Protein backbone atom coordinates (compact mmCIF):
# COMPACT_ATOMS: atom_id res chain seq x y z
CA MET A 1 -36.96 -42.91 -22.69
CA ALA A 2 -33.22 -42.84 -23.30
CA LYS A 3 -31.19 -40.20 -21.47
CA LEU A 4 -28.66 -40.14 -24.32
CA LYS A 5 -29.64 -37.46 -26.82
CA HIS A 6 -29.77 -38.02 -30.56
CA ARG A 7 -26.49 -37.17 -32.32
CA GLY A 8 -27.12 -35.79 -35.77
CA TRP A 9 -23.50 -36.15 -36.82
CA VAL A 10 -23.51 -39.95 -36.43
CA PRO A 11 -24.59 -42.11 -39.41
CA ALA A 12 -28.36 -42.55 -39.18
CA ASP A 13 -28.36 -46.36 -39.03
CA CYS A 14 -25.71 -46.37 -36.30
CA GLU A 15 -27.49 -43.75 -34.22
CA ALA A 16 -30.81 -45.58 -34.55
CA LEU A 17 -29.19 -48.70 -33.09
CA VAL A 18 -27.62 -46.67 -30.26
CA GLN A 19 -30.97 -45.11 -29.39
CA LYS A 20 -32.66 -48.53 -29.47
CA TYR A 21 -30.15 -50.00 -27.01
CA ALA A 22 -30.18 -46.88 -24.82
CA ALA A 23 -33.97 -46.83 -24.61
CA ALA A 24 -34.09 -50.51 -23.65
CA ALA A 25 -31.51 -49.92 -20.91
CA ALA A 26 -33.39 -46.90 -19.58
CA ASP A 27 -36.63 -48.87 -19.31
CA GLU A 28 -35.21 -51.88 -17.43
CA ASP A 29 -34.81 -52.13 -13.69
CA SER A 30 -31.32 -52.66 -12.32
CA ALA A 31 -31.66 -56.41 -11.73
CA ASP A 32 -32.89 -57.08 -15.25
CA LEU A 33 -30.23 -54.82 -16.75
CA ALA A 34 -27.49 -56.56 -14.76
CA ALA A 35 -28.75 -59.88 -16.09
CA ARG A 36 -28.73 -58.46 -19.61
CA ILE A 37 -25.10 -57.39 -19.23
CA ASP A 38 -24.19 -60.85 -17.96
CA GLY A 39 -25.93 -62.35 -20.96
CA LEU A 40 -24.11 -60.07 -23.39
CA ILE A 41 -20.76 -61.03 -21.86
CA ALA A 42 -21.65 -64.69 -22.33
CA ARG A 43 -22.84 -64.04 -25.88
CA ASN A 44 -19.57 -62.35 -26.75
CA LEU A 45 -17.67 -65.41 -25.55
CA ASP A 46 -19.90 -67.59 -27.71
CA ILE A 47 -19.29 -65.41 -30.76
CA HIS A 48 -15.51 -65.30 -30.48
CA ASP A 49 -14.66 -68.59 -28.78
CA ARG A 50 -17.29 -71.03 -30.02
CA ASP A 51 -19.42 -69.87 -32.94
CA CYS A 52 -16.91 -68.15 -35.23
CA PHE A 53 -13.46 -68.53 -36.74
CA ASN A 54 -11.63 -65.30 -35.96
CA LEU A 55 -9.44 -64.26 -38.90
CA ASN A 56 -8.96 -60.67 -37.73
CA PRO A 57 -5.28 -60.00 -36.90
CA ALA A 58 -6.34 -57.02 -34.79
CA THR A 59 -7.52 -59.32 -32.00
CA ASN A 60 -6.20 -62.26 -30.03
CA VAL A 61 -6.76 -64.35 -26.91
CA MET A 62 -4.98 -63.78 -23.61
CA ASN A 63 -3.29 -66.17 -21.26
CA PRO A 64 -6.04 -66.87 -18.65
CA LYS A 65 -3.61 -65.87 -15.88
CA ALA A 66 -3.08 -62.51 -17.55
CA GLU A 67 -6.81 -62.09 -18.01
CA ALA A 68 -7.40 -62.90 -14.35
CA ALA A 69 -4.93 -60.17 -13.36
CA LEU A 70 -7.33 -57.61 -14.85
CA ALA A 71 -9.84 -58.53 -12.12
CA ALA A 72 -7.40 -58.91 -9.22
CA GLY A 73 -8.04 -55.63 -7.40
CA LEU A 74 -5.22 -53.70 -9.08
CA GLY A 75 -6.99 -51.50 -11.59
CA SER A 76 -8.73 -49.24 -9.06
CA ARG A 77 -5.47 -48.36 -7.28
CA PRO A 78 -4.05 -45.04 -8.51
CA SER A 79 -0.30 -45.14 -9.07
CA LEU A 80 0.91 -41.59 -9.58
CA GLY A 81 4.64 -41.01 -9.79
CA TYR A 82 7.88 -42.96 -10.00
CA PRO A 83 8.42 -46.28 -8.22
CA GLY A 84 9.97 -45.41 -4.88
CA ASP A 85 8.27 -42.02 -4.69
CA LYS A 86 4.56 -42.54 -5.31
CA TYR A 87 2.10 -39.82 -4.36
CA GLU A 88 -0.35 -42.34 -2.89
CA MET A 89 0.68 -44.82 -0.23
CA GLY A 90 0.42 -48.61 -0.20
CA LEU A 91 1.77 -49.13 -3.71
CA GLU A 92 4.84 -51.20 -2.87
CA ALA A 93 3.56 -54.25 -4.76
CA ILE A 94 2.14 -52.31 -7.70
CA GLU A 95 5.32 -50.32 -8.31
CA GLU A 96 7.33 -53.54 -8.48
CA ILE A 97 4.85 -54.92 -11.02
CA GLU A 98 5.39 -51.75 -13.09
CA VAL A 99 9.14 -52.25 -13.12
CA ILE A 100 8.84 -55.95 -13.99
CA ALA A 101 6.53 -55.14 -16.91
CA ALA A 102 8.88 -52.47 -18.24
CA GLU A 103 11.92 -54.74 -17.88
CA LEU A 104 10.16 -57.56 -19.72
CA ALA A 105 9.06 -55.16 -22.47
CA ALA A 106 12.64 -53.96 -22.94
CA GLU A 107 13.85 -57.56 -22.98
CA THR A 108 11.19 -58.73 -25.42
CA PHE A 109 11.90 -55.95 -27.92
CA ARG A 110 15.66 -55.75 -27.33
CA ALA A 111 15.33 -52.09 -26.34
CA ASP A 112 16.94 -49.83 -23.75
CA PHE A 113 13.75 -48.04 -22.67
CA ALA A 114 10.08 -49.04 -22.47
CA GLU A 115 7.04 -46.86 -21.72
CA ILE A 116 4.26 -49.17 -20.50
CA ARG A 117 1.76 -46.63 -19.14
CA VAL A 118 0.26 -45.85 -22.55
CA PRO A 119 -3.48 -46.65 -22.66
CA SER A 120 -3.68 -47.67 -26.35
CA GLY A 121 -1.76 -47.97 -29.59
CA ALA A 122 -3.36 -44.79 -30.90
CA ILE A 123 -2.24 -42.86 -27.82
CA ALA A 124 1.21 -44.43 -28.18
CA ASN A 125 1.38 -42.76 -31.59
CA LEU A 126 0.25 -39.45 -30.06
CA TYR A 127 2.99 -39.72 -27.42
CA ALA A 128 5.51 -40.42 -30.19
CA PHE A 129 4.35 -37.38 -32.15
CA MET A 130 4.60 -35.21 -29.03
CA ALA A 131 8.09 -36.52 -28.23
CA THR A 132 9.47 -35.77 -31.68
CA CYS A 133 7.45 -32.84 -33.04
CA VAL A 134 5.65 -29.63 -32.15
CA PRO A 135 2.33 -28.41 -33.58
CA GLY A 136 2.77 -27.17 -37.13
CA ASP A 137 5.58 -29.60 -37.97
CA ARG A 138 5.39 -31.73 -41.09
CA ILE A 139 5.51 -35.52 -41.03
CA VAL A 140 5.72 -38.11 -43.82
CA VAL A 141 3.44 -41.08 -43.23
CA PRO A 142 2.22 -44.28 -44.93
CA SER A 143 -0.75 -43.94 -47.26
CA PRO A 144 -4.01 -45.76 -46.42
CA GLU A 145 -3.37 -47.69 -49.65
CA ILE A 146 -0.64 -49.58 -47.79
CA GLY A 147 -2.42 -49.81 -44.46
CA GLY A 148 -1.38 -46.43 -43.08
CA HIS A 149 -3.36 -45.90 -39.88
CA VAL A 150 -5.70 -42.96 -39.36
CA THR A 151 -3.68 -41.84 -36.32
CA HIS A 152 -0.88 -40.76 -38.68
CA HIS A 153 -3.22 -38.59 -40.75
CA ALA A 154 -5.28 -35.41 -40.44
CA ALA A 155 -8.35 -37.13 -38.98
CA GLY A 156 -6.36 -38.85 -36.23
CA CYS A 157 -3.83 -38.02 -33.52
CA ALA A 158 -1.44 -36.33 -35.94
CA GLY A 159 -4.07 -33.87 -37.09
CA LEU A 160 -5.40 -33.30 -33.59
CA PHE A 161 -1.84 -32.40 -32.54
CA GLU A 162 -1.82 -30.00 -35.52
CA LEU A 163 0.85 -31.83 -37.49
CA GLN A 164 0.84 -31.62 -41.27
CA SER A 165 0.77 -35.17 -42.66
CA HIS A 166 2.15 -35.91 -46.11
CA ALA A 167 1.41 -39.39 -47.46
CA ALA A 168 4.51 -41.12 -48.79
CA PRO A 169 4.31 -42.35 -52.39
CA VAL A 170 3.51 -46.04 -52.70
CA ASP A 171 5.40 -49.00 -54.15
CA PRO A 172 2.47 -51.33 -54.95
CA SER A 173 4.67 -54.34 -55.66
CA GLY A 174 6.06 -54.41 -52.13
CA TYR A 175 3.06 -52.98 -50.31
CA THR A 176 5.33 -50.31 -48.87
CA VAL A 177 6.72 -46.88 -49.72
CA ASP A 178 8.46 -45.90 -52.97
CA LEU A 179 11.91 -44.95 -51.69
CA ASP A 180 12.97 -42.74 -54.59
CA ALA A 181 9.71 -40.81 -54.55
CA MET A 182 9.80 -40.63 -50.76
CA GLU A 183 13.29 -39.16 -50.84
CA SER A 184 12.07 -36.42 -53.18
CA LEU A 185 9.08 -35.71 -50.93
CA VAL A 186 11.26 -35.59 -47.82
CA ARG A 187 13.67 -33.13 -49.43
CA LYS A 188 10.71 -30.98 -50.42
CA VAL A 189 8.71 -30.90 -47.17
CA ARG A 190 11.60 -31.46 -44.71
CA PRO A 191 9.60 -33.38 -42.09
CA LYS A 192 10.50 -33.71 -38.43
CA LEU A 193 9.28 -37.32 -38.43
CA ILE A 194 8.89 -40.16 -40.91
CA THR A 195 6.57 -43.01 -39.95
CA ILE A 196 6.32 -46.49 -41.43
CA GLY A 197 4.22 -49.55 -40.60
CA GLY A 198 0.46 -49.81 -40.48
CA SER A 199 -2.64 -51.93 -40.22
CA LEU A 200 -1.51 -54.38 -42.92
CA ASN A 201 2.12 -55.36 -43.41
CA LEU A 202 2.92 -58.06 -45.94
CA PHE A 203 6.65 -57.73 -46.55
CA PRO A 204 9.46 -56.02 -44.61
CA HIS A 205 9.59 -52.26 -44.95
CA PRO A 206 12.90 -50.66 -46.02
CA VAL A 207 13.67 -49.22 -42.58
CA PRO A 208 17.46 -48.79 -43.07
CA GLU A 209 16.88 -46.87 -46.29
CA ILE A 210 14.17 -44.75 -44.67
CA ARG A 211 16.57 -43.93 -41.82
CA THR A 212 19.19 -42.83 -44.35
CA ILE A 213 16.64 -40.54 -46.00
CA ALA A 214 15.54 -39.20 -42.61
CA ASP A 215 19.11 -38.38 -41.65
CA THR A 216 19.45 -36.07 -44.66
CA VAL A 217 16.94 -33.66 -43.09
CA GLY A 218 17.42 -34.49 -39.41
CA ALA A 219 14.09 -36.32 -39.11
CA LYS A 220 13.30 -39.10 -36.67
CA VAL A 221 11.87 -42.46 -37.76
CA LEU A 222 8.85 -44.00 -36.02
CA PHE A 223 7.91 -47.62 -36.70
CA ASP A 224 4.26 -48.36 -35.96
CA ALA A 225 4.26 -52.03 -34.93
CA ALA A 226 0.65 -52.13 -33.74
CA HIS A 227 0.08 -55.28 -35.77
CA LEU A 228 3.64 -56.53 -36.17
CA CYS A 229 4.91 -56.42 -32.59
CA GLY A 230 4.39 -60.14 -31.98
CA ILE A 231 6.40 -61.31 -34.95
CA VAL A 232 9.01 -58.62 -34.23
CA ALA A 233 9.28 -59.97 -30.68
CA GLY A 234 9.57 -63.52 -32.01
CA GLU A 235 12.20 -62.45 -34.58
CA VAL A 236 10.17 -63.58 -37.57
CA TRP A 237 10.14 -59.95 -38.79
CA PRO A 238 13.19 -57.66 -38.91
CA ASP A 239 13.78 -55.63 -35.75
CA PRO A 240 12.91 -51.99 -36.59
CA LEU A 241 15.05 -50.53 -33.78
CA ALA A 242 18.08 -52.54 -34.88
CA GLN A 243 17.46 -51.35 -38.44
CA GLY A 244 17.50 -47.69 -37.45
CA ALA A 245 14.05 -46.64 -36.25
CA HIS A 246 14.35 -44.16 -33.39
CA LEU A 247 11.25 -45.50 -31.63
CA MET A 248 8.56 -48.13 -32.05
CA THR A 249 4.93 -47.92 -30.98
CA MET A 250 2.47 -50.78 -30.67
CA SER A 251 -0.79 -52.13 -29.37
CA THR A 252 -0.39 -54.92 -26.84
CA TYR A 253 -3.53 -56.94 -27.58
CA LYS A 254 -3.07 -57.90 -31.24
CA SER A 255 -0.24 -60.20 -32.28
CA LEU A 256 1.32 -59.76 -28.82
CA GLY A 257 -1.70 -61.40 -27.18
CA GLY A 258 -1.71 -59.15 -24.12
CA PRO A 259 -4.27 -56.81 -22.54
CA ALA A 260 -5.77 -53.82 -24.31
CA GLY A 261 -3.17 -51.07 -24.17
CA GLY A 262 -0.17 -49.48 -25.81
CA LEU A 263 3.61 -49.68 -25.51
CA ILE A 264 6.55 -47.64 -26.78
CA VAL A 265 10.17 -48.79 -26.93
CA THR A 266 13.31 -46.89 -27.94
CA ASN A 267 17.07 -46.92 -27.62
CA ASP A 268 17.29 -43.13 -27.66
CA PRO A 269 17.62 -41.65 -24.13
CA GLU A 270 16.41 -38.19 -25.20
CA ILE A 271 13.26 -39.63 -26.73
CA ALA A 272 12.80 -41.85 -23.66
CA GLU A 273 13.01 -38.81 -21.39
CA SER A 274 10.47 -36.93 -23.49
CA LEU A 275 8.09 -39.89 -23.40
CA ASP A 276 8.53 -40.17 -19.64
CA VAL A 277 7.61 -36.52 -19.10
CA ILE A 278 4.61 -36.87 -21.42
CA ALA A 279 3.42 -39.85 -19.38
CA PHE A 280 4.15 -38.30 -15.97
CA PRO A 281 3.33 -35.67 -14.94
CA GLY A 282 1.80 -35.10 -18.37
CA MET A 283 -1.00 -37.13 -19.88
CA THR A 284 -1.10 -40.52 -18.20
CA ALA A 285 -0.70 -39.65 -14.50
CA ASN A 286 -2.70 -42.43 -12.82
CA PHE A 287 -3.01 -45.48 -15.03
CA ASP A 288 -4.34 -49.03 -14.98
CA ALA A 289 -2.00 -51.07 -12.80
CA ALA A 290 -3.97 -54.22 -13.65
CA LYS A 291 -2.98 -53.76 -17.28
CA SER A 292 0.67 -53.62 -16.21
CA ALA A 293 0.34 -56.96 -14.42
CA ALA A 294 -1.48 -58.58 -17.34
CA LEU A 295 1.17 -57.26 -19.72
CA ALA A 296 3.97 -58.65 -17.56
CA ILE A 297 2.36 -62.10 -17.52
CA SER A 298 1.85 -61.95 -21.29
CA LEU A 299 5.47 -60.94 -21.89
CA LEU A 300 6.64 -63.87 -19.79
CA ASP A 301 4.94 -66.08 -22.37
CA TRP A 302 7.04 -64.38 -25.05
CA ARG A 303 10.20 -65.07 -23.08
CA GLU A 304 9.40 -68.80 -23.00
CA PHE A 305 7.42 -69.44 -26.18
CA GLY A 306 7.64 -66.31 -28.33
CA ALA A 307 9.84 -67.58 -31.14
CA ALA A 308 7.71 -70.66 -31.75
CA TYR A 309 4.46 -68.68 -31.48
CA ALA A 310 5.62 -66.05 -33.98
CA LYS A 311 6.75 -68.70 -36.48
CA GLU A 312 3.41 -70.47 -36.17
CA MET A 313 1.48 -67.23 -36.76
CA ALA A 314 3.36 -66.54 -39.99
CA ALA A 315 3.19 -70.15 -41.15
CA THR A 316 -0.57 -70.31 -40.52
CA ALA A 317 -1.18 -67.15 -42.57
CA LYS A 318 0.88 -68.49 -45.46
CA ALA A 319 -0.88 -71.87 -45.38
CA LEU A 320 -4.35 -70.30 -45.32
CA ALA A 321 -3.46 -67.98 -48.19
CA GLN A 322 -2.19 -70.90 -50.27
CA SER A 323 -5.35 -72.88 -49.53
CA LEU A 324 -7.58 -69.98 -50.57
CA GLN A 325 -5.64 -69.58 -53.80
CA ALA A 326 -6.10 -73.29 -54.49
CA GLU A 327 -9.86 -72.71 -54.19
CA GLY A 328 -9.70 -70.02 -56.87
CA ILE A 329 -9.89 -67.01 -54.57
CA GLY A 330 -7.74 -64.09 -55.68
CA LEU A 331 -5.19 -62.72 -53.24
CA PHE A 332 -3.05 -59.62 -53.29
CA ALA A 333 0.68 -60.09 -54.01
CA GLU A 334 0.30 -63.65 -55.33
CA GLU A 335 3.47 -63.24 -57.38
CA ARG A 336 5.46 -62.59 -54.19
CA GLY A 337 3.97 -65.41 -52.16
CA PHE A 338 1.15 -63.41 -50.53
CA THR A 339 2.90 -62.47 -47.29
CA SER A 340 5.88 -62.91 -45.01
CA SER A 341 3.92 -61.77 -41.94
CA HIS A 342 0.87 -63.14 -40.12
CA GLN A 343 -1.47 -61.16 -42.39
CA PHE A 344 -2.63 -61.37 -46.00
CA ALA A 345 -5.22 -59.65 -48.19
CA VAL A 346 -8.00 -61.14 -50.32
CA LEU A 347 -9.02 -59.28 -53.48
CA ALA A 348 -12.57 -58.55 -52.37
CA ALA A 349 -13.99 -56.69 -55.38
CA PRO A 350 -16.01 -59.75 -56.55
CA TRP A 351 -17.96 -59.52 -53.27
CA GLY A 352 -18.49 -55.76 -53.38
CA GLY A 353 -15.34 -54.72 -51.48
CA GLY A 354 -13.61 -55.52 -48.22
CA GLN A 355 -16.31 -54.51 -45.77
CA ALA A 356 -19.09 -56.03 -47.88
CA ALA A 357 -17.14 -59.29 -48.01
CA ALA A 358 -16.48 -59.14 -44.26
CA LYS A 359 -20.22 -58.81 -43.58
CA LYS A 360 -20.93 -61.83 -45.80
CA LEU A 361 -18.24 -63.81 -44.00
CA ARG A 362 -19.72 -62.83 -40.64
CA ARG A 363 -23.00 -64.47 -41.59
CA ALA A 364 -21.03 -67.65 -42.31
CA GLY A 365 -19.17 -67.53 -39.00
CA PHE A 366 -15.87 -65.99 -40.09
CA LEU A 367 -14.60 -62.70 -38.63
CA ALA A 368 -12.49 -60.43 -40.85
CA CYS A 369 -12.40 -56.81 -42.06
CA GLY A 370 -11.54 -54.73 -45.11
CA ILE A 371 -8.22 -52.96 -45.69
CA GLY A 372 -6.78 -50.48 -48.17
CA LEU A 373 -4.84 -51.82 -51.15
CA PRO A 374 -2.93 -49.99 -53.93
CA ILE A 375 -5.28 -51.22 -56.65
CA GLU A 376 -8.42 -49.94 -58.35
CA ARG A 377 -10.80 -48.73 -55.67
CA VAL A 378 -14.17 -50.33 -55.00
CA ALA A 379 -16.87 -47.67 -55.07
CA GLY A 380 -18.44 -47.19 -51.65
CA ASP A 381 -16.12 -49.63 -49.89
CA ILE A 382 -12.48 -50.42 -49.24
CA ASN A 383 -10.49 -53.12 -51.00
């Protein structure tokens, strides 16, 4: 019998699967369960590396040297405090790795400050909210119709930090915000923070214009580069910090091809200081030093090969989109050339919506997912 209790708030089909797996684990002896885990690890490799074509821009492969660093005896070593004054002893090597990773992050993103201790992209957004706002503040954020991430909205980090999120009006033609309507909204709600960037980015966002609007009410600008950070690093996409964003958050395992984790960069020393205090002694304290090493190795790849890699990502997306169009498959933003990033969106309504189409593709050995689009909604699904 499973030790995990039934959770009535979880969708019934999902909870039934959880209880099935939990019961099987509870009934197996340790040797058999260890073998099962080994088999599942091998199966996952088969799925992603052999059996399927992975079209999901939210995932990537790591340099094997970076991946090996995750199992090199670093992750279990607590590293509390600043390099040169750690609370625990014996961290001389680890603290140098931390500094190298931060230096490479600043170099890669042409920034003055880099916070590498963040455990995920979602938590990077929370840190950014905490560094620029206080509970009760208003923020203007991208709508889900243009890929706005849940962390910017009431159900995510913003809402949990008790911020009031206001979705910016949408410009469907550019898959971005409507600047005139946004300016009116900003003057009305007077936010402390304006965010831009999301889970799907097809064409450059108007960051300089957003910064101008933000300045009229003293707001900061956050660019969420969770998906875009690789092509920002490779200079295929405009540099948000150079365009006026006060800070940029990201995941490190998507287009950047690094370990699971988050990263924040900024040129603003006051924001950098706030982020530092949030990380230590605030919310991060001890963190995964193995992730720091894997990130440093991954960023070295960007130093040597980043520009070519970023160009190839964008070129591959464009070529695949053109090929799909030639096969009669409808794509979003055809009139604008589909995309200038490494992502594009298929019009999935003929297959029942984005998630329904993704499940059909999975059965054929292709991995993808649905995404919000500023078009007529598909009942019971996303576009």
